[in-house]
């Protein structure tokens, strides 16, 4: 299913029934590219909501590295999910060529225990020695 519309209300509706968690594909390359082009404002505003998208655009203008820019964008996703009382956790995937991020799988839950369980699974199966960004 392709997500169209503000991210927070869509994820909140997926998490509403008891015991539901949500994993969604976040195409970081596309979002990152769209933030730089004014012609794409409607698309980005629709995904993040206009006020949050404006804050992201302002913040990325002062970033000094691609990694900082990625952190700003992911922080906005986290913030949107936390507003609907979800605990987010991202699983980043790097490109083979340059080592930059291509996409993320974003896990969201309303239960700390579920977050802890998925974090343990991630640490066991990860090829990276990094701790999860959200912890």
N, C-alpha and C. Protein backbone atom coordinates (compact mmCIF):
# COMPACT_ATOMS: atom_id res chain seq x y z
N UNK A 1 0.84 -1.18 0.00
CA UNK A 1 0.00 0.00 0.00
C UNK A 1 0.88 1.23 0.00
N UNK A 2 0.60 2.18 -0.85
CA UNK A 2 1.34 3.43 -0.92
C UNK A 2 0.69 4.43 0.02
N UNK A 3 1.49 4.99 0.92
CA UNK A 3 0.96 5.97 1.88
C UNK A 3 0.78 7.30 1.18
N UNK A 4 -0.41 7.83 1.24
CA UNK A 4 -0.67 9.15 0.71
C UNK A 4 -1.44 9.91 1.78
N UNK A 5 -0.90 11.04 2.17
CA UNK A 5 -1.50 11.84 3.23
C UNK A 5 -0.53 11.94 4.39
N UNK A 6 -0.88 12.74 5.36
CA UNK A 6 0.02 12.93 6.51
C UNK A 6 0.33 11.61 7.22
N UNK A 7 1.60 11.43 7.52
CA UNK A 7 2.08 10.17 8.07
C UNK A 7 1.49 9.86 9.44
N UNK A 8 1.45 10.83 10.34
CA UNK A 8 1.04 10.57 11.73
C UNK A 8 -0.37 9.99 11.85
N UNK A 9 -1.39 10.60 11.23
CA UNK A 9 -2.74 10.02 11.37
C UNK A 9 -2.86 8.63 10.75
N UNK A 10 -2.14 8.38 9.67
CA UNK A 10 -2.21 7.06 9.05
C UNK A 10 -1.61 5.98 9.95
N UNK A 11 -0.47 6.28 10.54
CA UNK A 11 0.16 5.31 11.44
C UNK A 11 -0.68 5.15 12.70
N UNK A 12 -1.22 6.25 13.21
CA UNK A 12 -2.07 6.17 14.40
C UNK A 12 -3.26 5.25 14.16
N UNK A 13 -3.86 5.33 12.98
CA UNK A 13 -5.01 4.45 12.70
C UNK A 13 -4.57 2.99 12.59
N UNK A 14 -3.36 2.75 12.10
CA UNK A 14 -2.86 1.37 12.02
C UNK A 14 -2.57 0.80 13.41
N UNK A 15 -2.17 1.66 14.34
CA UNK A 15 -1.82 1.22 15.69
C UNK A 15 -3.00 1.19 16.65
N UNK A 16 -4.14 1.70 16.21
CA UNK A 16 -5.29 1.85 17.10
C UNK A 16 -5.78 0.54 17.73
N UNK A 17 -6.01 -0.49 16.95
CA UNK A 17 -6.45 -1.73 17.60
C UNK A 17 -5.38 -2.27 18.55
N UNK A 18 -5.81 -2.87 19.63
CA UNK A 18 -4.87 -3.39 20.64
C UNK A 18 -3.92 -4.41 20.03
N UNK A 19 -2.65 -4.27 20.33
CA UNK A 19 -1.65 -5.24 19.91
C UNK A 19 -1.09 -5.03 18.51
N UNK A 20 -1.52 -4.00 17.81
CA UNK A 20 -1.00 -3.76 16.46
C UNK A 20 0.30 -2.99 16.51
N UNK A 21 1.23 -3.40 15.66
CA UNK A 21 2.45 -2.66 15.39
C UNK A 21 2.43 -2.34 13.91
N UNK A 22 3.35 -1.50 13.48
CA UNK A 22 3.36 -1.10 12.08
C UNK A 22 4.80 -1.01 11.61
N UNK A 23 5.07 -1.52 10.42
CA UNK A 23 6.36 -1.35 9.77
C UNK A 23 6.06 -0.75 8.40
N UNK A 24 6.75 0.35 8.09
CA UNK A 24 6.55 0.93 6.77
C UNK A 24 7.88 1.28 6.12
N UNK A 25 7.87 1.28 4.80
CA UNK A 25 9.03 1.57 3.97
C UNK A 25 9.12 3.07 3.81
N UNK A 26 10.25 3.66 4.20
CA UNK A 26 10.48 5.09 4.07
C UNK A 26 11.59 5.28 3.06
N UNK A 27 11.24 5.72 1.86
CA UNK A 27 12.21 5.91 0.79
C UNK A 27 12.95 7.22 1.02
N UNK A 28 14.01 7.13 1.80
CA UNK A 28 14.78 8.31 2.18
C UNK A 28 15.31 9.06 0.97
N UNK A 29 15.82 8.34 -0.04
CA UNK A 29 16.35 9.00 -1.23
C UNK A 29 15.32 9.91 -1.87
N UNK A 30 14.10 9.43 -2.00
CA UNK A 30 13.04 10.22 -2.63
C UNK A 30 12.67 11.45 -1.79
N UNK A 31 12.48 11.25 -0.51
CA UNK A 31 12.11 12.37 0.36
C UNK A 31 13.23 13.40 0.39
N UNK A 32 14.45 12.95 0.52
CA UNK A 32 15.60 13.84 0.54
C UNK A 32 15.66 14.67 -0.74
N UNK A 33 15.46 14.03 -1.88
CA UNK A 33 15.48 14.72 -3.16
C UNK A 33 14.34 15.74 -3.26
N UNK A 34 13.15 15.32 -2.86
CA UNK A 34 11.97 16.18 -2.99
C UNK A 34 12.07 17.43 -2.13
N UNK A 35 12.76 17.35 -1.00
CA UNK A 35 12.88 18.52 -0.13
C UNK A 35 13.64 19.65 -0.78
N UNK A 36 14.46 19.35 -1.78
CA UNK A 36 15.29 20.37 -2.42
C UNK A 36 14.61 21.04 -3.61
N UNK A 37 13.47 20.54 -4.04
CA UNK A 37 12.82 21.08 -5.23
C UNK A 37 11.46 21.67 -4.88
N UNK A 38 11.31 22.94 -5.20
CA UNK A 38 10.06 23.64 -4.88
C UNK A 38 8.85 23.00 -5.57
N UNK A 39 9.06 22.45 -6.75
CA UNK A 39 7.96 21.82 -7.48
C UNK A 39 7.39 20.62 -6.72
N UNK A 40 8.15 20.08 -5.78
CA UNK A 40 7.73 18.91 -5.00
C UNK A 40 7.12 19.29 -3.65
N UNK A 41 6.96 20.57 -3.37
CA UNK A 41 6.46 21.01 -2.06
C UNK A 41 5.13 20.37 -1.69
N UNK A 42 4.20 20.27 -2.64
CA UNK A 42 2.89 19.69 -2.32
C UNK A 42 3.01 18.25 -1.85
N UNK A 43 3.88 17.50 -2.50
CA UNK A 43 4.08 16.10 -2.14
C UNK A 43 4.66 15.97 -0.73
N UNK A 44 5.71 16.74 -0.44
CA UNK A 44 6.35 16.69 0.88
C UNK A 44 5.40 17.23 1.95
N UNK A 45 4.69 18.32 1.64
CA UNK A 45 3.72 18.87 2.60
C UNK A 45 2.62 17.87 2.90
N UNK A 46 2.21 17.11 1.90
CA UNK A 46 1.18 16.10 2.11
C UNK A 46 1.63 14.96 2.99
N UNK A 47 2.91 14.63 2.92
CA UNK A 47 3.43 13.53 3.72
C UNK A 47 3.70 13.95 5.16
N UNK A 48 4.38 15.08 5.33
CA UNK A 48 4.78 15.51 6.68
C UNK A 48 3.80 16.49 7.33
N UNK A 49 2.87 17.04 6.57
CA UNK A 49 2.02 18.17 6.95
C UNK A 49 2.85 19.43 6.73
N UNK A 50 2.21 20.49 6.26
CA UNK A 50 2.90 21.69 5.79
C UNK A 50 3.81 22.33 6.84
N UNK A 51 3.33 22.46 8.08
CA UNK A 51 4.13 23.12 9.11
C UNK A 51 5.42 22.35 9.39
N UNK A 52 5.33 21.04 9.54
CA UNK A 52 6.51 20.21 9.81
C UNK A 52 7.45 20.23 8.61
N UNK A 53 6.89 20.15 7.40
CA UNK A 53 7.72 20.18 6.19
C UNK A 53 8.50 21.50 6.11
N UNK A 54 7.87 22.60 6.48
CA UNK A 54 8.55 23.90 6.48
C UNK A 54 9.71 23.92 7.46
N UNK A 55 9.50 23.33 8.64
CA UNK A 55 10.57 23.25 9.64
C UNK A 55 11.73 22.39 9.14
N UNK A 56 11.41 21.30 8.46
CA UNK A 56 12.45 20.42 7.91
C UNK A 56 13.27 21.19 6.87
N UNK A 57 12.57 21.88 5.95
CA UNK A 57 13.28 22.64 4.92
C UNK A 57 14.20 23.68 5.53
N UNK A 58 13.72 24.38 6.55
CA UNK A 58 14.55 25.39 7.21
C UNK A 58 15.77 24.75 7.89
N UNK A 59 15.56 23.62 8.53
CA UNK A 59 16.65 22.96 9.26
C UNK A 59 17.71 22.39 8.32
N UNK A 60 17.31 21.85 7.17
CA UNK A 60 18.30 21.23 6.29
C UNK A 60 19.16 22.27 5.58
N UNK A 61 18.71 23.51 5.52
CA UNK A 61 19.53 24.55 4.89
C UNK A 61 20.78 24.85 5.71
N UNK A 62 20.74 24.57 7.00
CA UNK A 62 21.91 24.85 7.84
C UNK A 62 22.74 23.60 8.14
N UNK A 63 22.39 22.47 7.54
CA UNK A 63 23.16 21.25 7.80
C UNK A 63 24.45 21.28 7.02
N UNK A 64 25.45 20.61 7.56
CA UNK A 64 26.78 20.63 6.95
C UNK A 64 27.15 19.32 6.28
N UNK A 65 26.40 18.28 6.54
CA UNK A 65 26.76 16.99 5.95
C UNK A 65 25.50 16.22 5.59
N UNK A 66 25.63 15.25 4.69
CA UNK A 66 24.48 14.40 4.36
C UNK A 66 23.96 13.65 5.58
N UNK A 67 24.85 13.28 6.50
CA UNK A 67 24.42 12.56 7.70
C UNK A 67 23.56 13.46 8.60
N UNK A 68 23.93 14.72 8.72
CA UNK A 68 23.11 15.66 9.51
C UNK A 68 21.74 15.84 8.87
N UNK A 69 21.72 15.95 7.55
CA UNK A 69 20.46 16.11 6.83
C UNK A 69 19.56 14.91 7.07
N UNK A 70 20.15 13.72 7.00
CA UNK A 70 19.38 12.50 7.26
C UNK A 70 18.82 12.51 8.67
N UNK A 71 19.61 12.93 9.65
CA UNK A 71 19.15 12.97 11.04
C UNK A 71 17.99 13.94 11.21
N UNK A 72 18.03 15.08 10.52
CA UNK A 72 16.94 16.06 10.59
C UNK A 72 15.65 15.44 10.05
N UNK A 73 15.75 14.77 8.92
CA UNK A 73 14.57 14.16 8.30
C UNK A 73 14.01 13.04 9.16
N UNK A 74 14.88 12.18 9.67
CA UNK A 74 14.42 11.08 10.52
C UNK A 74 13.86 11.59 11.84
N UNK A 75 14.43 12.66 12.37
CA UNK A 75 13.88 13.25 13.60
C UNK A 75 12.46 13.74 13.38
N UNK A 76 12.19 14.26 12.18
CA UNK A 76 10.83 14.71 11.87
C UNK A 76 9.86 13.53 11.80
N UNK A 77 10.30 12.41 11.25
CA UNK A 77 9.47 11.21 11.22
C UNK A 77 9.21 10.74 12.65
N UNK A 78 10.27 10.69 13.47
CA UNK A 78 10.13 10.30 14.88
C UNK A 78 9.15 11.20 15.61
N UNK A 79 9.30 12.50 15.42
CA UNK A 79 8.44 13.47 16.10
C UNK A 79 6.98 13.26 15.72
N UNK A 80 6.73 13.06 14.43
CA UNK A 80 5.36 12.83 13.97
C UNK A 80 4.76 11.59 14.62
N UNK A 81 5.56 10.54 14.73
CA UNK A 81 5.07 9.29 15.33
C UNK A 81 4.88 9.44 16.84
N UNK A 82 5.78 10.14 17.48
CA UNK A 82 5.66 10.34 18.93
C UNK A 82 4.44 11.19 19.28
N UNK A 83 4.05 12.08 18.38
CA UNK A 83 2.84 12.89 18.61
C UNK A 83 1.59 12.03 18.70
N UNK A 84 1.61 10.88 18.06
CA UNK A 84 0.46 9.97 18.14
C UNK A 84 0.75 8.84 19.13
N UNK A 85 1.71 9.11 20.02
CA UNK A 85 2.06 8.22 21.13
C UNK A 85 2.62 6.87 20.66
N UNK A 86 3.36 6.90 19.56
CA UNK A 86 4.02 5.70 19.06
C UNK A 86 5.51 5.78 19.38
N UNK A 87 6.12 4.62 19.58
CA UNK A 87 7.56 4.52 19.76
C UNK A 87 8.15 4.09 18.42
N UNK A 88 8.96 4.94 17.77
CA UNK A 88 9.52 4.58 16.47
C UNK A 88 10.92 3.99 16.58
N UNK A 89 11.27 3.20 15.60
CA UNK A 89 12.63 2.66 15.48
C UNK A 89 12.90 2.47 14.00
N UNK A 90 14.00 3.06 13.52
CA UNK A 90 14.35 2.95 12.10
C UNK A 90 15.43 1.91 11.88
N UNK A 91 15.31 1.24 10.76
CA UNK A 91 16.32 0.29 10.29
C UNK A 91 16.83 0.85 8.97
N UNK A 92 18.02 1.43 8.96
CA UNK A 92 18.55 2.05 7.75
C UNK A 92 19.24 1.05 6.84
N UNK A 93 19.13 1.28 5.55
CA UNK A 93 19.78 0.45 4.55
C UNK A 93 20.67 1.33 3.69
N UNK A 94 21.90 0.93 3.54
CA UNK A 94 22.90 1.70 2.80
C UNK A 94 23.01 1.19 1.37
N UNK A 95 23.40 2.09 0.47
CA UNK A 95 23.66 1.69 -0.91
C UNK A 95 25.01 1.00 -0.97
N UNK A 96 25.18 0.14 -1.93
CA UNK A 96 26.47 -0.55 -2.08
C UNK A 96 27.53 0.39 -2.64
N UNK A 97 27.12 1.31 -3.51
CA UNK A 97 28.07 2.15 -4.23
C UNK A 97 28.78 3.14 -3.31
N UNK A 98 28.03 4.09 -2.75
CA UNK A 98 28.65 5.16 -2.00
C UNK A 98 28.51 5.05 -0.50
N UNK A 99 27.72 4.12 -0.03
CA UNK A 99 27.54 3.96 1.40
C UNK A 99 26.50 4.88 2.00
N UNK A 100 25.84 5.71 1.19
CA UNK A 100 24.78 6.57 1.69
C UNK A 100 23.52 5.77 1.93
N UNK A 101 22.56 6.37 2.61
CA UNK A 101 21.31 5.69 2.91
C UNK A 101 20.41 5.68 1.70
N UNK A 102 19.81 4.54 1.42
CA UNK A 102 18.84 4.46 0.33
C UNK A 102 17.42 4.52 0.87
N UNK A 103 17.17 3.79 1.97
CA UNK A 103 15.84 3.77 2.54
C UNK A 103 15.90 3.29 3.98
N UNK A 104 14.76 3.38 4.64
CA UNK A 104 14.62 2.90 6.01
C UNK A 104 13.35 2.07 6.11
N UNK A 105 13.37 1.08 6.96
CA UNK A 105 12.14 0.45 7.41
C UNK A 105 11.89 1.09 8.77
N UNK A 106 10.70 1.62 8.95
CA UNK A 106 10.36 2.29 10.20
C UNK A 106 9.35 1.43 10.94
N UNK A 107 9.70 1.07 12.15
CA UNK A 107 8.85 0.26 13.01
C UNK A 107 8.19 1.21 14.01
N UNK A 108 6.91 1.06 14.22
CA UNK A 108 6.19 1.88 15.19
C UNK A 108 5.29 0.99 16.04
N UNK A 109 5.28 1.26 17.33
CA UNK A 109 4.46 0.51 18.26
C UNK A 109 4.01 1.44 19.37
N UNK A 110 2.98 1.05 20.08
CA UNK A 110 2.54 1.82 21.25
C UNK A 110 3.01 1.19 22.55
N UNK A 111 3.79 0.12 22.45
CA UNK A 111 4.19 -0.62 23.64
C UNK A 111 5.71 -0.68 23.77
N UNK A 112 6.23 -0.25 24.92
CA UNK A 112 7.66 -0.25 25.17
C UNK A 112 8.22 -1.66 25.09
N UNK A 113 7.49 -2.63 25.60
CA UNK A 113 7.97 -4.01 25.57
C UNK A 113 8.18 -4.49 24.14
N UNK A 114 7.27 -4.15 23.26
CA UNK A 114 7.42 -4.52 21.85
C UNK A 114 8.63 -3.83 21.24
N UNK A 115 8.85 -2.57 21.59
CA UNK A 115 10.02 -1.84 21.11
C UNK A 115 11.31 -2.50 21.59
N UNK A 116 11.34 -2.90 22.85
CA UNK A 116 12.51 -3.58 23.39
C UNK A 116 12.76 -4.91 22.69
N UNK A 117 11.69 -5.64 22.40
CA UNK A 117 11.84 -6.93 21.71
C UNK A 117 12.39 -6.75 20.30
N UNK A 118 11.86 -5.78 19.57
CA UNK A 118 12.33 -5.57 18.20
C UNK A 118 13.75 -5.02 18.19
N UNK A 119 14.10 -4.24 19.21
CA UNK A 119 15.48 -3.74 19.33
C UNK A 119 16.44 -4.89 19.55
N UNK A 120 16.07 -5.84 20.38
CA UNK A 120 16.91 -7.02 20.62
C UNK A 120 17.09 -7.83 19.34
N UNK A 121 16.02 -8.01 18.60
CA UNK A 121 16.10 -8.74 17.33
C UNK A 121 17.02 -8.00 16.37
N UNK A 122 16.87 -6.71 16.31
CA UNK A 122 17.70 -5.90 15.42
C UNK A 122 19.18 -6.03 15.78
N UNK A 123 19.49 -5.93 17.05
CA UNK A 123 20.89 -6.02 17.47
C UNK A 123 21.49 -7.39 17.17
N UNK A 124 20.69 -8.44 17.29
CA UNK A 124 21.16 -9.79 17.01
C UNK A 124 21.45 -10.00 15.53
N UNK A 125 20.61 -9.42 14.68
CA UNK A 125 20.71 -9.71 13.25
C UNK A 125 21.44 -8.63 12.45
N UNK A 126 21.82 -7.53 13.08
CA UNK A 126 22.44 -6.44 12.36
C UNK A 126 23.89 -6.76 12.00
N UNK A 127 24.31 -6.25 10.84
CA UNK A 127 25.70 -6.36 10.45
C UNK A 127 26.50 -5.17 10.94
N UNK A 128 25.80 -4.18 11.49
CA UNK A 128 26.43 -2.97 12.02
C UNK A 128 26.57 -3.09 13.52
N UNK A 129 27.58 -2.46 14.05
CA UNK A 129 27.79 -2.47 15.50
C UNK A 129 27.14 -1.25 16.16
N UNK A 130 26.47 -0.41 15.37
CA UNK A 130 25.83 0.78 15.90
C UNK A 130 24.62 0.40 16.74
N UNK A 131 24.40 1.18 17.79
CA UNK A 131 23.16 1.05 18.55
C UNK A 131 22.05 1.71 17.79
N UNK A 132 20.81 1.30 17.98
CA UNK A 132 19.69 1.96 17.31
C UNK A 132 19.69 3.45 17.65
N UNK A 133 19.37 4.26 16.66
CA UNK A 133 19.39 5.71 16.79
C UNK A 133 18.43 6.21 17.85
N UNK A 134 17.31 5.56 18.05
CA UNK A 134 16.25 6.05 18.94
C UNK A 134 16.50 5.70 20.40
N UNK A 135 17.49 4.95 20.70
CA UNK A 135 17.67 4.49 22.08
C UNK A 135 18.50 5.44 22.88
